[in-house]
Amino acid sequence: MLTGSMTNAAEFLRITQPAVSRLVKDLETHLKFRLFRRAGNRLIPTHEGTTLFAEVDRFYVGIDRIAKIASDLQHAKAGSLRVASISALSLSCITEAIKLFHIDRPAVSVMHESLNTRLILELVAGRHFDIGFADASGEFPGVDLTPLPPVEAVCVLPPNHPVARKQSIGPDDLRDLPFISLGKSSTFRLKVDRLFNDARIPRQEILETTLAGSAIALVASGLGVSIVDPFSVSTLRGRRFVVRPFRPRLTFDVVAVTPSHHQSSKLCSEFSGIMRRLFKSMRATPVADRVPS
């Protein structure tokens, strides 16, 4: 059908011309109708031959498609991935991870949603997401938690703030200063509150927001100071604020959340690996090199 002659078909299939003739004759005998009529040295497909070839061609295209999909799945280059993350990661780390993930897997469909930690745990447990990234700790029913490398929190201050002259900021440096807190549902907020409460250092907790990005924007407006994760800071380059390391070391801890009793797909494993590398690179980079000063 593709070459128009027995001879060309034999060369294409790398068999002899008599073998091609015999195969065609045997198929016509089995089907009880002719597939070709001769016109000199050429073969002209009959109507029945053309109709049958269309079905055979679709069959082989389907087989090739199955083989390609299987190969793509084997190399984690096809399928879909549903990712949930806390807002602190949504505009920075997750965005970069999706970009890196997509470069080698353009055929993979990725759906991302920003949620709070409680919803991430519930929805991953219910298999509504393949993987999540949350600031959780301990044990939760229906999910496994795998810690990512911890990164150090930073202190953000308005430009020209007197405290900003210091190379690093400690709790006592923020005594009685207007402080912008994250939402009470944040595990990181609980860490910050515990640190100041244990040290018995008062703050003027004048504002509260669920988004670290909003806290940084409020700092840039001169309304107070805050302690936030470094990922949120890295997305707001160009805003007028000062960033300093915070001491004692206060870590921003994130876990990869996957359904319990369920083997993660290769796509999940590779996306989690990209996130792990991004966290390692953030931890290894000095504050002054990764955020505005």
C-alpha atoms as a PDB file:
ATOM      1  CA  MET A   1       0.000   0.000   0.000  1.00  0.00           C
ATOM      2  CA  LEU A   2       2.868   2.399   0.787  1.00  0.00           C
ATOM      3  CA  THR A   3       5.324   1.505  -1.987  1.00  0.00           C
ATOM      4  CA  GLY A   4       3.046   0.664  -4.930  1.00  0.00           C
ATOM      5  CA  SER A   5       4.880  -2.485  -6.020  1.00  0.00           C
ATOM      6  CA  MET A   6       5.897  -5.944  -4.781  1.00  0.00           C
ATOM      7  CA  THR A   7       9.566  -5.210  -5.505  1.00  0.00           C
ATOM      8  CA  ASN A   8       9.666  -1.970  -3.547  1.00  0.00           C
ATOM      9  CA  ALA A   9       7.720  -3.567  -0.729  1.00  0.00           C
ATOM     10  CA  ALA A  10      10.255  -6.414  -0.567  1.00  0.00           C
ATOM     11  CA  GLU A  11      13.124  -3.925  -0.299  1.00  0.00           C
ATOM     12  CA  PHE A  12      11.260  -1.963   2.364  1.00  0.00           C
ATOM     13  CA  LEU A  13      10.540  -5.104   4.427  1.00  0.00           C
ATOM     14  CA  ARG A  14      13.953  -6.638   3.708  1.00  0.00           C
ATOM     15  CA  ILE A  15      12.487  -9.891   2.422  1.00  0.00           C
ATOM     16  CA  THR A  16      12.311 -11.382  -1.078  1.00  0.00           C
ATOM     17  CA  GLN A  17       9.790 -10.308  -3.702  1.00  0.00           C
ATOM     18  CA  PRO A  18       8.313 -13.854  -3.981  1.00  0.00           C
ATOM     19  CA  ALA A  19       7.767 -13.838  -0.222  1.00  0.00           C
ATOM     20  CA  VAL A  20       5.750 -10.612  -0.496  1.00  0.00           C
ATOM     21  CA  SER A  21       3.695 -12.056  -3.379  1.00  0.00           C
ATOM     22  CA  ARG A  22       2.972 -15.195  -1.363  1.00  0.00           C
ATOM     23  CA  LEU A  23       1.944 -13.232   1.742  1.00  0.00           C
ATOM     24  CA  VAL A  24      -0.444 -11.035  -0.248  1.00  0.00           C
ATOM     25  CA  LYS A  25      -1.926 -14.079  -2.029  1.00  0.00           C
ATOM     26  CA  ASP A  26      -2.386 -15.962   1.267  1.00  0.00           C
ATOM     27  CA  LEU A  27      -4.119 -12.947   2.845  1.00  0.00           C
ATOM     28  CA  GLU A  28      -6.465 -12.558  -0.157  1.00  0.00           C
ATOM     29  CA  THR A  29      -7.323 -16.271   0.065  1.00  0.00           C
ATOM     30  CA  HIS A  30      -8.089 -15.944   3.750  1.00  0.00           C
ATOM     31  CA  LEU A  31     -10.166 -12.779   3.266  1.00  0.00           C
ATOM     32  CA  LYS A  32     -11.915 -14.097   0.127  1.00  0.00           C
ATOM     33  CA  PHE A  33     -11.495 -10.801  -1.734  1.00  0.00           C
ATOM     34  CA  ARG A  34      -8.756  -9.115  -3.751  1.00  0.00           C
ATOM     35  CA  LEU A  35      -6.573  -6.435  -2.204  1.00  0.00           C
ATOM     36  CA  PHE A  36      -4.830  -5.234  -5.388  1.00  0.00           C
ATOM     37  CA  ARG A  37      -5.150  -5.271  -9.167  1.00  0.00           C
ATOM     38  CA  ARG A  38      -2.131  -5.104 -11.407  1.00  0.00           C
ATOM     39  CA  ALA A  39      -1.382  -2.212 -13.788  1.00  0.00           C
ATOM     40  CA  GLY A  40       1.894  -3.139 -15.463  1.00  0.00           C
ATOM     41  CA  ASN A  41       4.492  -3.333 -12.730  1.00  0.00           C
ATOM     42  CA  ARG A  42       2.374  -1.404 -10.300  1.00  0.00           C
ATOM     43  CA  LEU A  43      -0.252  -2.538  -7.814  1.00  0.00           C
ATOM     44  CA  ILE A  44      -3.504  -0.572  -7.567  1.00  0.00           C
ATOM     45  CA  PRO A  45      -5.404  -1.074  -4.285  1.00  0.00           C
ATOM     46  CA  THR A  46      -9.004  -2.220  -4.593  1.00  0.00           C
ATOM     47  CA  HIS A  47     -11.766  -0.451  -2.694  1.00  0.00           C
ATOM     48  CA  GLU A  48     -11.754  -3.296  -0.179  1.00  0.00           C
ATOM     49  CA  GLY A  49      -7.963  -3.094   0.128  1.00  0.00           C
ATOM     50  CA  THR A  50      -8.062   0.657   0.764  1.00  0.00           C
ATOM     51  CA  THR A  51     -10.807   0.305   3.402  1.00  0.00           C
ATOM     52  CA  LEU A  52      -8.949  -2.490   5.189  1.00  0.00           C
ATOM     53  CA  PHE A  53      -5.662  -0.605   5.102  1.00  0.00           C
ATOM     54  CA  ALA A  54      -7.251   2.415   6.832  1.00  0.00           C
ATOM     55  CA  GLU A  55      -8.219   0.177   9.772  1.00  0.00           C
ATOM     56  CA  VAL A  56      -4.852  -1.566   9.857  1.00  0.00           C
ATOM     57  CA  ASP A  57      -3.075   1.803   9.776  1.00  0.00           C
ATOM     58  CA  ARG A  58      -5.119   3.061  12.737  1.00  0.00           C
ATOM     59  CA  PHE A  59      -4.256  -0.126  14.607  1.00  0.00           C
ATOM     60  CA  TYR A  60      -0.519   0.343  14.075  1.00  0.00           C
ATOM     61  CA  VAL A  61      -0.701   4.026  14.967  1.00  0.00           C
ATOM     62  CA  GLY A  62      -2.421   2.970  18.198  1.00  0.00           C
ATOM     63  CA  ILE A  63       0.287   0.409  18.926  1.00  0.00           C
ATOM     64  CA  ASP A  64       2.983   3.039  18.297  1.00  0.00           C
ATOM     65  CA  ARG A  65       1.121   5.467  20.560  1.00  0.00           C
ATOM     66  CA  ILE A  66       0.925   2.888  23.347  1.00  0.00           C
ATOM     67  CA  ALA A  67       4.643   2.198  23.000  1.00  0.00           C
ATOM     68  CA  LYS A  68       5.422   5.936  23.173  1.00  0.00           C
ATOM     69  CA  ILE A  69       3.234   6.462  26.251  1.00  0.00           C
ATOM     70  CA  ALA A  70       4.819   3.465  27.961  1.00  0.00           C
ATOM     71  CA  SER A  71       8.265   4.850  27.168  1.00  0.00           C
ATOM     72  CA  ASP A  72       7.288   8.320  28.426  1.00  0.00           C
ATOM     73  CA  LEU A  73       5.907   6.858  31.655  1.00  0.00           C
ATOM     74  CA  GLN A  74       9.064   4.792  32.073  1.00  0.00           C
ATOM     75  CA  HIS A  75      11.142   7.959  31.834  1.00  0.00           C
ATOM     76  CA  ALA A  76       8.602  10.102  33.749  1.00  0.00           C
ATOM     77  CA  LYS A  77       7.759  12.269  30.749  1.00  0.00           C
ATOM     78  CA  ALA A  78       3.998  11.784  30.464  1.00  0.00           C
ATOM     79  CA  GLY A  79       0.944  11.773  32.679  1.00  0.00           C
ATOM     80  CA  SER A  80      -0.293  14.340  35.177  1.00  0.00           C
ATOM     81  CA  LEU A  81       0.766  15.668  38.557  1.00  0.00           C
ATOM     82  CA  ARG A  82      -1.430  17.431  41.124  1.00  0.00           C
ATOM     83  CA  VAL A  83       0.548  19.558  43.594  1.00  0.00           C
ATOM     84  CA  ALA A  84      -0.638  21.499  46.650  1.00  0.00           C
ATOM     85  CA  SER A  85       1.530  23.868  48.677  1.00  0.00           C
ATOM     86  CA  ILE A  86       1.377  26.496  51.370  1.00  0.00           C
ATOM     87  CA  SER A  87       1.301  30.079  50.113  1.00  0.00           C
ATOM     88  CA  ALA A  88       4.870  30.824  51.239  1.00  0.00           C
ATOM     89  CA  LEU A  89       6.115  28.486  48.506  1.00  0.00           C
ATOM     90  CA  SER A  90       3.556  29.203  45.806  1.00  0.00           C
ATOM     91  CA  LEU A  91       5.147  32.299  44.274  1.00  0.00           C
ATOM     92  CA  SER A  92       8.747  31.200  44.602  1.00  0.00           C
ATOM     93  CA  CYS A  93       9.968  27.676  45.196  1.00  0.00           C
ATOM     94  CA  ILE A  94       6.996  25.829  43.678  1.00  0.00           C
ATOM     95  CA  THR A  95       7.009  28.088  40.623  1.00  0.00           C
ATOM     96  CA  GLU A  96      10.708  27.410  40.055  1.00  0.00           C
ATOM     97  CA  ALA A  97      10.213  23.672  40.629  1.00  0.00           C
ATOM     98  CA  ILE A  98       7.381  23.520  38.077  1.00  0.00           C
ATOM     99  CA  LYS A  99       9.556  25.346  35.546  1.00  0.00           C
ATOM    100  CA  LEU A 100      12.478  22.947  36.036  1.00  0.00           C
ATOM    101  CA  PHE A 101      10.120  19.944  36.023  1.00  0.00           C
ATOM    102  CA  HIS A 102       8.452  21.072  32.789  1.00  0.00           C
ATOM    103  CA  ILE A 103      11.709  21.530  30.850  1.00  0.00           C
ATOM    104  CA  ASP A 104      12.325  17.779  30.636  1.00  0.00           C
ATOM    105  CA  ARG A 105       8.661  16.729  30.761  1.00  0.00           C
ATOM    106  CA  PRO A 106       6.688  19.093  28.484  1.00  0.00           C
ATOM    107  CA  ALA A 107       3.941  16.478  27.970  1.00  0.00           C
ATOM    108  CA  VAL A 108       3.190  16.185  31.696  1.00  0.00           C
ATOM    109  CA  SER A 109       0.149  18.135  32.878  1.00  0.00           C
ATOM    110  CA  VAL A 110       0.798  19.907  36.197  1.00  0.00           C
ATOM    111  CA  MET A 111      -1.978  21.344  38.383  1.00  0.00           C
ATOM    112  CA  HIS A 112      -0.952  23.438  41.386  1.00  0.00           C
ATOM    113  CA  GLU A 113      -3.084  24.923  44.145  1.00  0.00           C
ATOM    114  CA  SER A 114      -2.126  27.056  47.140  1.00  0.00           C
ATOM    115  CA  LEU A 115      -3.797  25.912  50.388  1.00  0.00           C
ATOM    116  CA  ASN A 116      -3.257  25.992  54.125  1.00  0.00           C
ATOM    117  CA  THR A 117      -1.495  23.108  55.849  1.00  0.00           C
ATOM    118  CA  ARG A 118      -4.663  21.523  57.267  1.00  0.00           C
ATOM    119  CA  LEU A 119      -6.318  21.322  53.839  1.00  0.00           C
ATOM    120  CA  ILE A 120      -3.146  19.988  52.233  1.00  0.00           C
ATOM    121  CA  LEU A 121      -3.030  17.123  54.749  1.00  0.00           C
ATOM    122  CA  GLU A 122      -6.723  16.312  54.286  1.00  0.00           C
ATOM    123  CA  LEU A 123      -6.757  16.499  50.493  1.00  0.00           C
ATOM    124  CA  VAL A 124      -3.552  14.517  49.978  1.00  0.00           C
ATOM    125  CA  ALA A 125      -4.890  11.846  52.356  1.00  0.00           C
ATOM    126  CA  GLY A 126      -8.036  11.725  50.206  1.00  0.00           C
ATOM    127  CA  ARG A 127      -5.918  11.368  47.041  1.00  0.00           C
ATOM    128  CA  HIS A 128      -7.216  14.673  45.637  1.00  0.00           C
ATOM    129  CA  PHE A 129      -3.557  15.703  45.231  1.00  0.00           C
ATOM    130  CA  ASP A 130      -0.583  13.513  44.400  1.00  0.00           C
ATOM    131  CA  ILE A 131       1.820  15.453  46.607  1.00  0.00           C
ATOM    132  CA  GLY A 132       1.760  18.460  48.911  1.00  0.00           C
ATOM    133  CA  PHE A 133       4.276  20.726  50.626  1.00  0.00           C
ATOM    134  CA  ALA A 134       3.315  22.023  54.061  1.00  0.00           C
ATOM    135  CA  ASP A 135       4.762  23.340  57.339  1.00  0.00           C
ATOM    136  CA  ALA A 136       3.558  20.348  59.358  1.00  0.00           C
ATOM    137  CA  SER A 137       5.208  18.112  61.931  1.00  0.00           C
ATOM    138  CA  GLY A 138       4.279  14.968  63.802  1.00  0.00           C
ATOM    139  CA  GLU A 139       1.959  12.274  62.452  1.00  0.00           C
ATOM    140  CA  PHE A 140      -1.334  12.610  60.594  1.00  0.00           C
ATOM    141  CA  PRO A 141      -3.717   9.867  59.472  1.00  0.00           C
ATOM    142  CA  GLY A 142      -3.573   8.922  55.809  1.00  0.00           C
ATOM    143  CA  VAL A 143      -0.342  10.717  54.893  1.00  0.00           C
ATOM    144  CA  ASP A 144       3.414  10.296  55.118  1.00  0.00           C
ATOM    145  CA  LEU A 145       5.565  13.348  55.887  1.00  0.00           C
ATOM    146  CA  THR A 146       9.090  13.565  54.477  1.00  0.00           C
ATOM    147  CA  PRO A 147      11.125  16.570  55.717  1.00  0.00           C
ATOM    148  CA  LEU A 148      12.855  18.787  53.179  1.00  0.00           C
ATOM    149  CA  PRO A 149      16.189  20.406  54.132  1.00  0.00           C
ATOM    150  CA  PRO A 150      15.417  23.197  56.647  1.00  0.00           C
ATOM    151  CA  VAL A 151      16.155  26.799  55.672  1.00  0.00           C
ATOM    152  CA  GLU A 152      16.828  29.720  57.997  1.00  0.00           C
ATOM    153  CA  ALA A 153      14.255  32.419  58.586  1.00  0.00           C
ATOM    154  CA  VAL A 154      15.223  36.053  58.079  1.00  0.00           C
ATOM    155  CA  CYS A 155      14.257  39.358  59.643  1.00  0.00           C
ATOM    156  CA  VAL A 156      12.829  42.061  57.369  1.00  0.00           C
ATOM    157  CA  LEU A 157      12.905  45.732  58.368  1.00  0.00           C
ATOM    158  CA  PRO A 158      11.923  49.045  56.777  1.00  0.00           C
ATOM    159  CA  PRO A 159      14.712  50.881  54.929  1.00  0.00           C
ATOM    160  CA  ASN A 160      16.875  53.143  57.100  1.00  0.00           C
ATOM    161  CA  HIS A 161      15.595  51.459  60.259  1.00  0.00           C
ATOM    162  CA  PRO A 162      18.114  51.973  63.131  1.00  0.00           C
ATOM    163  CA  VAL A 163      18.265  48.233  63.866  1.00  0.00           C
ATOM    164  CA  ALA A 164      19.155  47.501  60.219  1.00  0.00           C
ATOM    165  CA  ARG A 165      22.724  48.655  60.900  1.00  0.00           C
ATOM    166  CA  LYS A 166      23.365  45.350  62.676  1.00  0.00           C
ATOM    167  CA  GLN A 167      24.759  42.413  60.686  1.00  0.00           C
ATOM    168  CA  SER A 168      22.260  40.043  62.307  1.00  0.00           C
ATOM    169  CA  ILE A 169      19.104  40.542  64.348  1.00  0.00           C
ATOM    170  CA  GLY A 170      18.228  38.898  67.658  1.00  0.00           C
ATOM    171  CA  PRO A 171      14.983  38.897  69.680  1.00  0.00           C
ATOM    172  CA  ASP A 172      16.187  41.681  71.981  1.00  0.00           C
ATOM    173  CA  ASP A 173      16.802  43.956  68.966  1.00  0.00           C
ATOM    174  CA  LEU A 174      13.056  43.806  68.253  1.00  0.00           C
ATOM    175  CA  ARG A 175      11.960  44.585  71.813  1.00  0.00           C
ATOM    176  CA  ASP A 176       8.827  46.772  71.875  1.00  0.00           C
ATOM    177  CA  LEU A 177       8.990  47.343  68.101  1.00  0.00           C
ATOM    178  CA  PRO A 178       5.821  47.197  65.955  1.00  0.00           C
ATOM    179  CA  PHE A 179       5.726  43.589  64.743  1.00  0.00           C
ATOM    180  CA  ILE A 180       3.824  42.082  61.805  1.00  0.00           C
ATOM    181  CA  SER A 181       2.887  38.465  62.565  1.00  0.00           C
ATOM    182  CA  LEU A 182       1.820  35.638  60.295  1.00  0.00           C
ATOM    183  CA  GLY A 183      -1.548  33.925  60.782  1.00  0.00           C
ATOM    184  CA  LYS A 184      -2.083  31.797  63.892  1.00  0.00           C
ATOM    185  CA  SER A 185      -2.614  28.685  61.740  1.00  0.00           C
ATOM    186  CA  SER A 186       1.043  28.830  60.670  1.00  0.00           C
ATOM    187  CA  THR A 187       3.418  26.439  62.431  1.00  0.00           C
ATOM    188  CA  PHE A 188       6.198  28.939  61.760  1.00  0.00           C
ATOM    189  CA  ARG A 189       4.187  31.654  63.588  1.00  0.00           C
ATOM    190  CA  LEU A 190       4.029  29.354  66.620  1.00  0.00           C
ATOM    191  CA  LYS A 191       7.832  28.977  66.528  1.00  0.00           C
ATOM    192  CA  VAL A 192       8.339  32.756  66.484  1.00  0.00           C
ATOM    193  CA  ASP A 193       5.854  33.347  69.310  1.00  0.00           C
ATOM    194  CA  ARG A 194       7.450  30.636  71.464  1.00  0.00           C
ATOM    195  CA  LEU A 195      10.911  32.122  70.973  1.00  0.00           C
ATOM    196  CA  PHE A 196       9.842  35.600  72.136  1.00  0.00           C
ATOM    197  CA  ASN A 197       7.662  34.264  74.946  1.00  0.00           C
ATOM    198  CA  ASP A 198      10.464  32.062  76.305  1.00  0.00           C
ATOM    199  CA  ALA A 199      12.838  35.058  76.197  1.00  0.00           C
ATOM    200  CA  ARG A 200      10.136  37.266  77.777  1.00  0.00           C
ATOM    201  CA  ILE A 201      10.681  39.930  75.155  1.00  0.00           C
ATOM    202  CA  PRO A 202       7.543  41.988  74.372  1.00  0.00           C
ATOM    203  CA  ARG A 203       6.602  43.120  70.871  1.00  0.00           C
ATOM    204  CA  GLN A 204       3.934  45.483  69.606  1.00  0.00           C
ATOM    205  CA  GLU A 205       1.928  42.935  67.605  1.00  0.00           C
ATOM    206  CA  ILE A 206      -0.043  45.500  65.663  1.00  0.00           C
ATOM    207  CA  LEU A 207      -0.750  43.587  62.447  1.00  0.00           C
ATOM    208  CA  GLU A 208      -1.379  39.998  61.384  1.00  0.00           C
ATOM    209  CA  THR A 209      -1.581  38.483  57.901  1.00  0.00           C
ATOM    210  CA  THR A 210      -1.769  34.926  56.568  1.00  0.00           C
ATOM    211  CA  LEU A 211       0.637  35.681  53.710  1.00  0.00           C
ATOM    212  CA  ALA A 212       4.353  36.240  54.247  1.00  0.00           C
ATOM    213  CA  GLY A 213       4.394  38.315  51.065  1.00  0.00           C
ATOM    214  CA  SER A 214       1.822  40.678  52.591  1.00  0.00           C
ATOM    215  CA  ALA A 215       3.883  40.928  55.778  1.00  0.00           C
ATOM    216  CA  ILE A 216       6.936  41.926  53.728  1.00  0.00           C
ATOM    217  CA  ALA A 217       4.915  44.515  51.778  1.00  0.00           C
ATOM    218  CA  LEU A 218       3.698  46.006  55.076  1.00  0.00           C
ATOM    219  CA  VAL A 219       7.285  46.141  56.310  1.00  0.00           C
ATOM    220  CA  ALA A 220       8.296  47.927  53.109  1.00  0.00           C
ATOM    221  CA  SER A 221       5.555  50.482  53.861  1.00  0.00           C
ATOM    222  CA  GLY A 222       7.242  51.251  57.158  1.00  0.00           C
ATOM    223  CA  LEU A 223       4.530  49.770  59.390  1.00  0.00           C
ATOM    224  CA  GLY A 224       6.727  47.374  61.355  1.00  0.00           C
ATOM    225  CA  VAL A 225       9.223  44.531  61.269  1.00  0.00           C
ATOM    226  CA  SER A 226       8.707  40.820  60.699  1.00  0.00           C
ATOM    227  CA  ILE A 227      10.386  37.405  60.629  1.00  0.00           C
ATOM    228  CA  VAL A 228       9.597  35.378  57.510  1.00  0.00           C
ATOM    229  CA  ASP A 229      10.797  32.546  55.312  1.00  0.00           C
ATOM    230  CA  PRO A 230      13.523  33.320  52.734  1.00  0.00           C
ATOM    231  CA  PHE A 231      11.443  32.076  49.777  1.00  0.00           C
ATOM    232  CA  SER A 232       8.833  34.813  50.187  1.00  0.00           C
ATOM    233  CA  VAL A 233      11.601  37.420  50.448  1.00  0.00           C
ATOM    234  CA  SER A 234      13.199  36.227  47.198  1.00  0.00           C
ATOM    235  CA  THR A 235       9.992  36.928  45.230  1.00  0.00           C
ATOM    236  CA  LEU A 236       9.813  40.598  46.225  1.00  0.00           C
ATOM    237  CA  ARG A 237      13.006  41.998  44.774  1.00  0.00           C
ATOM    238  CA  GLY A 238      12.730  45.691  44.083  1.00  0.00           C
ATOM    239  CA  ARG A 239      10.612  46.455  47.172  1.00  0.00           C
ATOM    240  CA  ARG A 240      12.211  48.802  49.704  1.00  0.00           C
ATOM    241  CA  PHE A 241      13.072  46.675  52.711  1.00  0.00           C
ATOM    242  CA  VAL A 242      16.191  45.399  54.453  1.00  0.00           C
ATOM    243  CA  VAL A 243      16.910  41.735  55.124  1.00  0.00           C
ATOM    244  CA  ARG A 244      19.141  40.441  57.898  1.00  0.00           C
ATOM    245  CA  PRO A 245      19.896  36.969  59.297  1.00  0.00           C
ATOM    246  CA  PHE A 246      17.992  36.194  62.491  1.00  0.00           C
ATOM    247  CA  ARG A 247      19.796  34.748  65.507  1.00  0.00           C
ATOM    248  CA  PRO A 248      19.345  32.415  67.256  1.00  0.00           C
ATOM    249  CA  ARG A 249      18.810  30.252  64.203  1.00  0.00           C
ATOM    250  CA  LEU A 250      15.109  29.862  63.479  1.00  0.00           C
ATOM    251  CA  THR A 251      14.294  27.352  60.749  1.00  0.00           C
ATOM    252  CA  PHE A 252      11.455  27.314  58.263  1.00  0.00           C
ATOM    253  CA  ASP A 253      10.574  23.623  58.024  1.00  0.00           C
ATOM    254  CA  VAL A 254       8.604  22.099  55.152  1.00  0.00           C
ATOM    255  CA  VAL A 255       7.577  18.495  54.575  1.00  0.00           C
ATOM    256  CA  ALA A 256       6.565  16.671  51.412  1.00  0.00           C
ATOM    257  CA  VAL A 257       3.121  15.155  51.994  1.00  0.00           C
ATOM    258  CA  THR A 258       2.173  11.934  50.177  1.00  0.00           C
ATOM    259  CA  PRO A 259      -0.694   9.454  50.684  1.00  0.00           C
ATOM    260  CA  SER A 260       0.037   6.602  53.086  1.00  0.00           C
ATOM    261  CA  HIS A 261       0.000   2.995  51.864  1.00  0.00           C
ATOM    262  CA  HIS A 262       0.356   4.178  48.279  1.00  0.00           C
ATOM    263  CA  GLN A 263       3.481   3.986  46.168  1.00  0.00           C
ATOM    264  CA  SER A 264       4.319   7.417  44.830  1.00  0.00           C
ATOM    265  CA  SER A 265       4.585   7.760  41.066  1.00  0.00           C
ATOM    266  CA  LYS A 266       7.898   8.449  39.413  1.00  0.00           C
ATOM    267  CA  LEU A 267       6.607  11.941  38.614  1.00  0.00           C
ATOM    268  CA  CYS A 268       5.992  12.605  42.340  1.00  0.00           C
ATOM    269  CA  SER A 269       9.446  11.352  43.242  1.00  0.00           C
ATOM    270  CA  GLU A 270      11.153  13.501  40.624  1.00  0.00           C
ATOM    271  CA  PHE A 271       9.187  16.639  41.567  1.00  0.00           C
ATOM    272  CA  SER A 272      10.024  16.072  45.227  1.00  0.00           C
ATOM    273  CA  GLY A 273      13.693  15.674  44.248  1.00  0.00           C
ATOM    274  CA  ILE A 274      13.631  19.048  42.483  1.00  0.00           C
ATOM    275  CA  MET A 275      12.113  20.678  45.582  1.00  0.00           C
ATOM    276  CA  ARG A 276      14.770  19.085  47.775  1.00  0.00           C
ATOM    277  CA  ARG A 277      17.542  20.496  45.569  1.00  0.00           C
ATOM    278  CA  LEU A 278      15.982  23.972  45.654  1.00  0.00           C
ATOM    279  CA  PHE A 279      15.809  23.881  49.456  1.00  0.00           C
ATOM    280  CA  LYS A 280      19.434  22.757  49.633  1.00  0.00           C
ATOM    281  CA  SER A 281      20.521  25.591  47.335  1.00  0.00           C
ATOM    282  CA  MET A 282      18.610  28.151  49.418  1.00  0.00           C
ATOM    283  CA  ARG A 283      20.202  26.834  52.603  1.00  0.00           C
ATOM    284  CA  ALA A 284      23.686  27.012  51.081  1.00  0.00           C
ATOM    285  CA  THR A 285      23.348  30.584  49.782  1.00  0.00           C
ATOM    286  CA  PRO A 286      24.159  33.474  52.169  1.00  0.00           C
ATOM    287  CA  VAL A 287      21.271  35.820  52.916  1.00  0.00           C
ATOM    288  CA  ALA A 288      23.014  38.778  51.336  1.00  0.00           C
ATOM    289  CA  ASP A 289      23.343  36.908  48.030  1.00  0.00           C
ATOM    290  CA  ARG A 290      19.768  35.711  47.742  1.00  0.00           C
ATOM    291  CA  VAL A 291      17.690  38.673  48.923  1.00  0.00           C
ATOM    292  CA  PRO A 292      17.736  42.459  48.508  1.00  0.00           C
ATOM    293  CA  SER A 293      19.753  44.390  51.100  1.00  0.00           C
END
